[in-house]
Amino acid sequence: MAKGKDQKAFDIQAIIDKAVNAGIRAGYVAANQTPSNTYKATEKRLYAYPDLLKRIEDNKELLRDIATEGAPEHSKSIARFGGSGVRLSQDEIIEGLMTKTNEEITRDTYEVETIAGALALIKADPYYIVVTARYFEGKNDDQIAEAIPCDVTTVRRNRGRLVRRLAVRLYGAEAL
């Protein structure tokens, strides 16, 4: 009987390893695909930055909850099965949830660090505030111009200049 349990654990670990490796490969491929409009893609990443930071914290909290309380409860009448039709134990479910959550944290952290590295290049720029105010605080150009103070066209011109610099940092020569 012990041999059957060992084989089951080995099979489950193989499935988990295969899924993790597939996820890493997919992330690598996606990260290396350059969008056709790097300016818009850079803006999209900047808008997502605060949400990614929050998502990382939420996932870390979820990991702490899983570690202390176990997997989130489901109806007792619902059984969880692996891809092979094998019913999963509570420990296997917890391990799977933790693996998936750790993968999400790793992927999101990589993106946050990439964006933060790009932002570090422009941080000393006197118009850096136009990037943070627009993409992280949700202010429009009029509000930013009033806060600096400067003309709205100055805000737009400098935001465009800085986002193009970020695009080069994020996408390389493809952004030129």
C-alpha atoms as a PDB file:
ATOM      1  CA  MET A   1       0.000   0.000   0.000  1.00  0.00           C
ATOM      2  CA  ALA A   2       2.888   2.388   0.738  1.00  0.00           C
ATOM      3  CA  LYS A   3       4.156   1.953  -2.809  1.00  0.00           C
ATOM      4  CA  GLY A   4       0.807   3.188  -4.171  1.00  0.00           C
ATOM      5  CA  LYS A   5       0.963   6.311  -2.003  1.00  0.00           C
ATOM      6  CA  ASP A   6       4.550   6.969  -3.080  1.00  0.00           C
ATOM      7  CA  GLN A   7       3.583   6.607  -6.738  1.00  0.00           C
ATOM      8  CA  LYS A   8       0.586   8.928  -6.258  1.00  0.00           C
ATOM      9  CA  ALA A   9       2.797  11.563  -4.599  1.00  0.00           C
ATOM     10  CA  PHE A  10       5.364  11.190  -7.387  1.00  0.00           C
ATOM     11  CA  ASP A  11       2.660  11.540 -10.067  1.00  0.00           C
ATOM     12  CA  ILE A  12       1.209  14.648  -8.415  1.00  0.00           C
ATOM     13  CA  GLN A  13       4.646  16.217  -8.043  1.00  0.00           C
ATOM     14  CA  ALA A  14       5.353  15.494 -11.715  1.00  0.00           C
ATOM     15  CA  ILE A  15       2.094  17.206 -12.695  1.00  0.00           C
ATOM     16  CA  ILE A  16       2.905  20.220 -10.518  1.00  0.00           C
ATOM     17  CA  ASP A  17       6.437  20.444 -11.942  1.00  0.00           C
ATOM     18  CA  LYS A  18       5.112  20.203 -15.490  1.00  0.00           C
ATOM     19  CA  ALA A  19       2.562  22.983 -14.839  1.00  0.00           C
ATOM     20  CA  VAL A  20       5.160  25.242 -13.208  1.00  0.00           C
ATOM     21  CA  ASN A  21       7.592  24.775 -16.092  1.00  0.00           C
ATOM     22  CA  ALA A  22       4.863  25.424 -18.658  1.00  0.00           C
ATOM     23  CA  GLY A  23       3.903  28.610 -16.811  1.00  0.00           C
ATOM     24  CA  ILE A  24       7.498  29.804 -16.703  1.00  0.00           C
ATOM     25  CA  ARG A  25       7.951  29.114 -20.419  1.00  0.00           C
ATOM     26  CA  ALA A  26       4.703  30.919 -21.268  1.00  0.00           C
ATOM     27  CA  GLY A  27       5.744  33.901 -19.155  1.00  0.00           C
ATOM     28  CA  TYR A  28       9.139  34.024 -20.836  1.00  0.00           C
ATOM     29  CA  VAL A  29       7.582  33.924 -24.306  1.00  0.00           C
ATOM     30  CA  ALA A  30       5.031  36.602 -23.388  1.00  0.00           C
ATOM     31  CA  ALA A  31       7.700  38.815 -21.847  1.00  0.00           C
ATOM     32  CA  ASN A  32       9.819  38.624 -24.975  1.00  0.00           C
ATOM     33  CA  GLN A  33       7.057  39.546 -27.393  1.00  0.00           C
ATOM     34  CA  THR A  34       7.271  43.190 -28.304  1.00  0.00           C
ATOM     35  CA  PRO A  35       3.929  44.922 -28.857  1.00  0.00           C
ATOM     36  CA  SER A  36       3.409  46.911 -32.047  1.00  0.00           C
ATOM     37  CA  ASN A  37       2.828  50.165 -30.137  1.00  0.00           C
ATOM     38  CA  THR A  38       5.412  50.323 -27.373  1.00  0.00           C
ATOM     39  CA  TYR A  39       4.212  53.742 -26.167  1.00  0.00           C
ATOM     40  CA  LYS A  40       0.686  52.452 -25.456  1.00  0.00           C
ATOM     41  CA  ALA A  41       2.099  49.232 -23.996  1.00  0.00           C
ATOM     42  CA  THR A  42       4.299  51.277 -21.666  1.00  0.00           C
ATOM     43  CA  GLU A  43       1.299  53.316 -20.566  1.00  0.00           C
ATOM     44  CA  LYS A  44      -0.635  50.112 -19.939  1.00  0.00           C
ATOM     45  CA  ARG A  45       2.173  48.799 -17.741  1.00  0.00           C
ATOM     46  CA  LEU A  46       2.382  52.092 -15.835  1.00  0.00           C
ATOM     47  CA  TYR A  47      -1.372  52.093 -15.167  1.00  0.00           C
ATOM     48  CA  ALA A  48      -1.085  48.489 -13.911  1.00  0.00           C
ATOM     49  CA  TYR A  49       1.858  49.174 -11.579  1.00  0.00           C
ATOM     50  CA  PRO A  50      -0.121  50.226  -8.453  1.00  0.00           C
ATOM     51  CA  ASP A  51      -2.552  47.332  -8.962  1.00  0.00           C
ATOM     52  CA  LEU A  52       0.317  44.861  -9.262  1.00  0.00           C
ATOM     53  CA  LEU A  53       1.794  46.116  -5.994  1.00  0.00           C
ATOM     54  CA  LYS A  54      -1.579  45.581  -4.292  1.00  0.00           C
ATOM     55  CA  ARG A  55      -1.993  42.151  -5.921  1.00  0.00           C
ATOM     56  CA  ILE A  56       1.412  41.035  -4.609  1.00  0.00           C
ATOM     57  CA  GLU A  57       0.446  42.058  -1.079  1.00  0.00           C
ATOM     58  CA  ASP A  58      -2.947  40.341  -1.397  1.00  0.00           C
ATOM     59  CA  ASN A  59      -1.309  37.133  -2.597  1.00  0.00           C
ATOM     60  CA  LYS A  60       1.245  37.230   0.235  1.00  0.00           C
ATOM     61  CA  GLU A  61      -1.662  37.588   2.654  1.00  0.00           C
ATOM     62  CA  LEU A  62      -3.418  34.658   0.964  1.00  0.00           C
ATOM     63  CA  LEU A  63      -0.284  32.541   1.448  1.00  0.00           C
ATOM     64  CA  ARG A  64      -0.195  33.444   5.139  1.00  0.00           C
ATOM     65  CA  ASP A  65      -3.879  32.540   5.452  1.00  0.00           C
ATOM     66  CA  ILE A  66      -3.394  29.214   3.686  1.00  0.00           C
ATOM     67  CA  ALA A  67      -0.407  28.413   5.901  1.00  0.00           C
ATOM     68  CA  THR A  68      -2.338  29.140   9.088  1.00  0.00           C
ATOM     69  CA  GLU A  69      -5.909  28.173   8.198  1.00  0.00           C
ATOM     70  CA  GLY A  70      -5.565  25.766   5.285  1.00  0.00           C
ATOM     71  CA  ALA A  71      -7.337  25.898   1.938  1.00  0.00           C
ATOM     72  CA  PRO A  72     -10.462  28.014   1.557  1.00  0.00           C
ATOM     73  CA  GLU A  73     -13.506  25.904   2.338  1.00  0.00           C
ATOM     74  CA  HIS A  74     -15.784  24.531  -0.345  1.00  0.00           C
ATOM     75  CA  SER A  75     -18.998  22.634  -0.075  1.00  0.00           C
ATOM     76  CA  LYS A  76     -18.457  19.165   1.402  1.00  0.00           C
ATOM     77  CA  SER A  77     -20.479  17.723  -1.466  1.00  0.00           C
ATOM     78  CA  ILE A  78     -17.876  18.889  -3.979  1.00  0.00           C
ATOM     79  CA  ALA A  79     -14.775  16.749  -4.361  1.00  0.00           C
ATOM     80  CA  ARG A  80     -11.616  18.129  -5.941  1.00  0.00           C
ATOM     81  CA  PHE A  81      -9.925  15.910  -8.449  1.00  0.00           C
ATOM     82  CA  GLY A  82      -6.583  16.152 -10.183  1.00  0.00           C
ATOM     83  CA  GLY A  83      -6.263  16.032 -13.960  1.00  0.00           C
ATOM     84  CA  SER A  84      -6.015  12.246 -13.819  1.00  0.00           C
ATOM     85  CA  GLY A  85      -9.323  11.904 -11.954  1.00  0.00           C
ATOM     86  CA  VAL A  86      -7.573  11.199  -8.637  1.00  0.00           C
ATOM     87  CA  ARG A  87      -9.194  12.787  -5.620  1.00  0.00           C
ATOM     88  CA  LEU A  88      -6.783  15.238  -4.000  1.00  0.00           C
ATOM     89  CA  SER A  89      -6.134  15.317  -0.290  1.00  0.00           C
ATOM     90  CA  GLN A  90      -6.343  18.537   1.709  1.00  0.00           C
ATOM     91  CA  ASP A  91      -2.533  18.690   1.859  1.00  0.00           C
ATOM     92  CA  GLU A  92      -2.290  18.309  -1.916  1.00  0.00           C
ATOM     93  CA  ILE A  93      -4.873  21.038  -2.429  1.00  0.00           C
ATOM     94  CA  ILE A  94      -2.993  23.356  -0.074  1.00  0.00           C
ATOM     95  CA  GLU A  95       0.316  22.615  -1.806  1.00  0.00           C
ATOM     96  CA  GLY A  96      -1.239  23.312  -5.209  1.00  0.00           C
ATOM     97  CA  LEU A  97      -2.775  26.590  -4.048  1.00  0.00           C
ATOM     98  CA  MET A  98       0.500  27.684  -2.501  1.00  0.00           C
ATOM     99  CA  THR A  99       2.452  26.775  -5.651  1.00  0.00           C
ATOM    100  CA  LYS A 100       0.023  28.686  -7.872  1.00  0.00           C
ATOM    101  CA  THR A 101       0.040  31.710  -5.564  1.00  0.00           C
ATOM    102  CA  ASN A 102       3.843  31.716  -5.371  1.00  0.00           C
ATOM    103  CA  GLU A 103       4.021  31.624  -9.184  1.00  0.00           C
ATOM    104  CA  GLU A 104       1.707  34.645  -9.371  1.00  0.00           C
ATOM    105  CA  ILE A 105       3.785  36.532  -6.799  1.00  0.00           C
ATOM    106  CA  THR A 106       6.985  35.748  -8.712  1.00  0.00           C
ATOM    107  CA  ARG A 107       5.537  36.846 -12.058  1.00  0.00           C
ATOM    108  CA  ASP A 108       4.012  40.048 -10.637  1.00  0.00           C
ATOM    109  CA  THR A 109       7.177  40.879  -8.660  1.00  0.00           C
ATOM    110  CA  TYR A 110       9.272  40.538 -11.812  1.00  0.00           C
ATOM    111  CA  GLU A 111       6.992  42.999 -13.617  1.00  0.00           C
ATOM    112  CA  VAL A 112       7.019  45.456 -10.691  1.00  0.00           C
ATOM    113  CA  GLU A 113      10.817  45.312 -10.479  1.00  0.00           C
ATOM    114  CA  THR A 114      11.125  45.830 -14.242  1.00  0.00           C
ATOM    115  CA  ILE A 115       8.894  48.901 -14.129  1.00  0.00           C
ATOM    116  CA  ALA A 116      10.619  50.236 -10.999  1.00  0.00           C
ATOM    117  CA  GLY A 117      13.999  49.865 -12.723  1.00  0.00           C
ATOM    118  CA  ALA A 118      12.747  51.852 -15.704  1.00  0.00           C
ATOM    119  CA  LEU A 119      11.248  54.515 -13.435  1.00  0.00           C
ATOM    120  CA  ALA A 120      14.567  54.863 -11.615  1.00  0.00           C
ATOM    121  CA  LEU A 121      16.091  56.173 -14.871  1.00  0.00           C
ATOM    122  CA  ILE A 122      13.730  59.139 -15.002  1.00  0.00           C
ATOM    123  CA  LYS A 123      13.298  59.805 -11.289  1.00  0.00           C
ATOM    124  CA  ALA A 124      15.690  62.770 -11.297  1.00  0.00           C
ATOM    125  CA  ASP A 125      13.834  64.452 -14.155  1.00  0.00           C
ATOM    126  CA  PRO A 126      12.048  67.624 -13.008  1.00  0.00           C
ATOM    127  CA  TYR A 127       8.859  66.439 -14.747  1.00  0.00           C
ATOM    128  CA  TYR A 128       8.866  62.946 -13.206  1.00  0.00           C
ATOM    129  CA  ILE A 129       5.751  63.997 -11.293  1.00  0.00           C
ATOM    130  CA  VAL A 130       3.724  64.040 -14.531  1.00  0.00           C
ATOM    131  CA  VAL A 131       4.260  60.278 -14.835  1.00  0.00           C
ATOM    132  CA  THR A 132       3.436  59.424 -11.231  1.00  0.00           C
ATOM    133  CA  ALA A 133       0.476  61.786 -11.047  1.00  0.00           C
ATOM    134  CA  ARG A 134      -1.047  60.513 -14.296  1.00  0.00           C
ATOM    135  CA  TYR A 135      -0.477  56.769 -14.034  1.00  0.00           C
ATOM    136  CA  PHE A 136      -0.347  56.143 -10.285  1.00  0.00           C
ATOM    137  CA  GLU A 137      -2.650  58.829  -8.891  1.00  0.00           C
ATOM    138  CA  GLY A 138      -5.114  59.032 -11.797  1.00  0.00           C
ATOM    139  CA  LYS A 139      -4.860  62.811 -12.251  1.00  0.00           C
ATOM    140  CA  ASN A 140      -5.631  64.401 -15.592  1.00  0.00           C
ATOM    141  CA  ASP A 141      -3.345  66.850 -17.423  1.00  0.00           C
ATOM    142  CA  ASP A 142      -5.208  69.929 -16.135  1.00  0.00           C
ATOM    143  CA  GLN A 143      -4.845  68.807 -12.512  1.00  0.00           C
ATOM    144  CA  ILE A 144      -1.152  68.038 -13.015  1.00  0.00           C
ATOM    145  CA  ALA A 145      -0.511  71.399 -14.710  1.00  0.00           C
ATOM    146  CA  GLU A 146      -2.206  73.186 -11.836  1.00  0.00           C
ATOM    147  CA  ALA A 147      -0.160  71.294  -9.248  1.00  0.00           C
ATOM    148  CA  ILE A 148       3.258  71.912 -10.866  1.00  0.00           C
ATOM    149  CA  PRO A 149       2.309  74.848 -11.972  1.00  0.00           C
ATOM    150  CA  CYS A 150       2.833  74.940 -15.724  1.00  0.00           C
ATOM    151  CA  ASP A 151       0.916  74.889 -18.978  1.00  0.00           C
ATOM    152  CA  VAL A 152      -1.093  71.784 -19.950  1.00  0.00           C
ATOM    153  CA  THR A 153       0.956  71.418 -23.149  1.00  0.00           C
ATOM    154  CA  THR A 154       4.126  71.280 -21.034  1.00  0.00           C
ATOM    155  CA  VAL A 155       2.611  68.403 -19.077  1.00  0.00           C
ATOM    156  CA  ARG A 156       1.681  66.515 -22.265  1.00  0.00           C
ATOM    157  CA  ARG A 157       5.024  67.136 -23.965  1.00  0.00           C
ATOM    158  CA  ASN A 158       7.057  66.029 -20.952  1.00  0.00           C
ATOM    159  CA  ARG A 159       4.865  63.012 -20.208  1.00  0.00           C
ATOM    160  CA  GLY A 160       5.294  61.878 -23.820  1.00  0.00           C
ATOM    161  CA  ARG A 161       9.047  62.373 -23.617  1.00  0.00           C
ATOM    162  CA  LEU A 162       9.328  60.413 -20.373  1.00  0.00           C
ATOM    163  CA  VAL A 163       7.036  57.587 -21.484  1.00  0.00           C
ATOM    164  CA  ARG A 164       9.122  57.219 -24.671  1.00  0.00           C
ATOM    165  CA  ARG A 165      12.256  56.920 -22.509  1.00  0.00           C
ATOM    166  CA  LEU A 166      10.542  54.293 -20.385  1.00  0.00           C
ATOM    167  CA  ALA A 167       9.461  52.437 -23.532  1.00  0.00           C
ATOM    168  CA  VAL A 168      13.083  52.240 -24.693  1.00  0.00           C
ATOM    169  CA  ARG A 169      14.087  50.868 -21.301  1.00  0.00           C
ATOM    170  CA  LEU A 170      11.250  48.311 -21.328  1.00  0.00           C
ATOM    171  CA  TYR A 171      11.343  47.296 -25.021  1.00  0.00           C
ATOM    172  CA  GLY A 172      14.811  48.264 -26.230  1.00  0.00           C
ATOM    173  CA  ALA A 173      15.413  49.303 -29.813  1.00  0.00           C
ATOM    174  CA  GLU A 174      11.922  48.121 -30.779  1.00  0.00           C
ATOM    175  CA  ALA A 175      10.580  51.288 -29.120  1.00  0.00           C
ATOM    176  CA  LEU A 176      12.500  53.585 -31.457  1.00  0.00           C
END
